[in-house]
Every structure is written in C-alpha cells, then in structure tokens.
Amino acid sequence: MRHIAAYLLLQIGGNASPSAGEVKKVLSAVGIEADEDRLETLVSELEGKDINALIAEGSAKLSSVPSGGAVAAAAPSAGGAAPAAAVEEEKKEEKKEEKEESDDDMGFGLFD
C-alpha cells in the first residue's frame, strides 16, 4: 500500500508516469524503505495506463461484491428471540430480589 500511495501522490503532483526511483525518493523522504521487487512490479503494471480509469474499474468491481454485514446481523436476531426473552425474565427476577433485600434495612444506612 505504501508504494501505491507514493505513486498516487506523484500522480496528483502532476507526474503522469512516475518511475521507481521517484517513488523510492518519496518513500525515503518519510523514512520508509521501499521493497525493490514490489516497486518494480507496481511500476511495470501501471506503465502506460490511466490511473483514474484503473480506480474507476476497481470501484465497479468492488460494488458487485456482496458485503455480509447485513446478513450476519439478521441471522442471530431470528434465532435469538427465545433466549432474549429468558434473559429479560432473569433480569426481572433479579430486580425483584434486590427490592426485597433493600426493604430489610428499613431505610437505615450503615453509618446513620
């Protein structure tokens, strides 16, 4: 990701086709050591391509990927109704017990 970020920074700065050396220079300016193999692969893969078109294409691909968040949230609620009712009953019983215990002190505190 750091290589891509540096590449995109150079693109935004006006360099249409940054070289591996330029990306390495940006990374070293912030104290990051570049991985030569990954950097060379990145530059060779992006050579001659429009970065904005690649980002748009990637966004289109990501929009078709289903996210499982909504399904996972719905599944427990369907099967969890009965246990939730049992938990609520237990809480009510605990509250009743607490009230009974508080009546035993007849309104007097420990240090009254």
Protein backbone atom coordinates (compact mmCIF):
# COMPACT_ATOMS: atom_id res chain seq x y z
CA MET A 1 0.00 0.00 0.00
CA ARG A 2 2.82 2.40 0.75
CA HIS A 3 4.14 2.02 -2.79
CA ILE A 4 0.73 2.69 -4.30
CA ALA A 5 0.21 5.68 -2.01
CA ALA A 6 3.54 7.21 -3.03
CA TYR A 7 2.75 6.53 -6.70
CA LEU A 8 -0.63 8.24 -6.36
CA LEU A 9 0.94 11.21 -4.58
CA LEU A 10 3.30 11.67 -7.50
CA GLN A 11 0.35 11.38 -9.90
CA ILE A 12 -1.58 14.04 -8.01
CA GLY A 13 1.53 16.21 -8.04
CA GLY A 14 1.49 16.24 -11.83
CA ASN A 15 3.83 13.39 -12.73
CA ALA A 16 1.82 11.33 -15.24
CA SER A 17 4.15 8.32 -15.15
CA PRO A 18 6.31 8.15 -12.01
CA SER A 19 9.40 5.98 -12.13
CA ALA A 20 10.52 3.51 -9.49
CA GLY A 21 13.27 5.92 -8.43
CA GLU A 22 10.80 8.75 -7.89
CA VAL A 23 8.50 6.56 -5.79
CA LYS A 24 11.51 5.37 -3.80
CA LYS A 25 12.53 9.00 -3.21
CA VAL A 26 9.06 9.88 -1.86
CA LEU A 27 9.11 6.89 0.48
CA SER A 28 12.61 7.64 1.76
CA ALA A 29 11.58 11.24 2.47
CA VAL A 30 9.25 9.95 5.18
CA GLY A 31 11.63 7.28 6.46
CA ILE A 32 10.15 4.24 4.70
CA GLU A 33 12.35 1.72 2.95
CA ALA A 34 10.98 0.61 -0.42
CA ASP A 35 10.72 -3.05 -1.42
CA GLU A 36 12.50 -3.16 -4.78
CA ASP A 37 10.62 -6.17 -6.18
CA ARG A 38 7.17 -4.85 -5.34
CA LEU A 39 8.04 -1.38 -6.55
CA GLU A 40 9.30 -2.65 -9.91
CA THR A 41 6.19 -4.82 -10.30
CA LEU A 42 3.92 -1.88 -9.50
CA VAL A 43 5.62 0.49 -11.93
CA SER A 44 5.69 -2.12 -14.72
CA GLU A 45 1.99 -2.98 -14.21
CA LEU A 46 0.91 0.68 -14.22
CA GLU A 47 3.15 1.76 -17.11
CA GLY A 48 1.12 3.40 -19.87
CA LYS A 49 -2.20 3.07 -18.03
CA ASP A 50 -4.53 5.83 -16.85
CA ILE A 51 -4.69 5.61 -13.07
CA ASN A 52 -8.16 7.23 -12.94
CA ALA A 53 -9.55 4.57 -15.28
CA LEU A 54 -8.00 1.82 -13.15
CA ILE A 55 -9.53 3.27 -9.98
CA ALA A 56 -12.95 3.51 -11.64
CA GLU A 57 -12.68 -0.08 -12.88
CA GLY A 58 -11.70 -1.29 -9.41
CA SER A 59 -14.59 0.59 -7.81
CA ALA A 60 -17.02 -1.03 -10.25
CA LYS A 61 -15.68 -4.46 -9.35
CA LEU A 62 -15.95 -3.76 -5.62
CA SER A 63 -19.54 -2.59 -5.93
CA SER A 64 -20.56 -6.04 -7.18
CA VAL A 65 -19.01 -7.79 -4.17
CA PRO A 66 -21.67 -8.61 -1.57
CA SER A 67 -20.94 -7.50 1.94
CA GLY A 68 -22.08 -9.98 4.56
CA GLY A 69 -22.71 -7.44 7.31
CA ALA A 70 -26.49 -7.24 6.96
CA VAL A 71 -26.96 -10.98 6.62
CA ALA A 72 -24.87 -11.74 9.68
CA ALA A 73 -26.81 -9.25 11.77
CA ALA A 74 -30.18 -10.66 10.69
CA ALA A 75 -29.36 -14.29 11.39
CA PRO A 76 -28.89 -14.06 15.17
CA SER A 77 -31.98 -11.94 15.66
CA ALA A 78 -34.26 -14.57 14.11
CA GLY A 79 -32.99 -17.42 16.28
CA GLY A 80 -32.17 -15.29 19.30
CA ALA A 81 -35.72 -14.22 20.20
CA ALA A 82 -36.38 -17.04 22.66
CA PRO A 83 -33.10 -16.70 24.58
CA ALA A 84 -33.60 -12.93 24.76
CA ALA A 85 -36.95 -13.42 26.47
CA ALA A 86 -35.37 -15.77 29.01
CA VAL A 87 -32.67 -13.20 29.76
CA GLU A 88 -35.29 -10.50 30.30
CA GLU A 89 -37.17 -12.75 32.76
CA GLU A 90 -33.95 -13.37 34.69
CA LYS A 91 -33.31 -9.63 34.90
CA LYS A 92 -36.83 -9.04 36.24
CA GLU A 93 -36.32 -11.70 38.91
CA GLU A 94 -33.01 -10.14 39.94
CA LYS A 95 -34.64 -6.72 40.27
CA LYS A 96 -37.38 -8.18 42.47
CA GLU A 97 -34.77 -9.79 44.71
CA GLU A 98 -32.87 -6.54 45.02
CA LYS A 99 -36.03 -4.71 46.12
CA GLU A 100 -36.74 -7.29 48.77
CA GLU A 101 -33.22 -7.00 50.16
CA SER A 102 -33.39 -3.22 50.27
CA ASP A 103 -36.60 -3.39 52.34
CA ASP A 104 -34.77 -5.36 55.03
CA ASP A 105 -32.66 -2.38 56.10
CA MET A 106 -35.82 -0.32 56.80
CA GLY A 107 -34.30 2.85 55.42
CA PHE A 108 -31.30 2.93 57.74
CA GLY A 109 -27.85 3.14 56.28
CA LEU A 110 -24.68 1.61 57.63
CA PHE A 111 -23.38 4.91 59.02
CA ASP A 112 -26.65 6.59 60.12
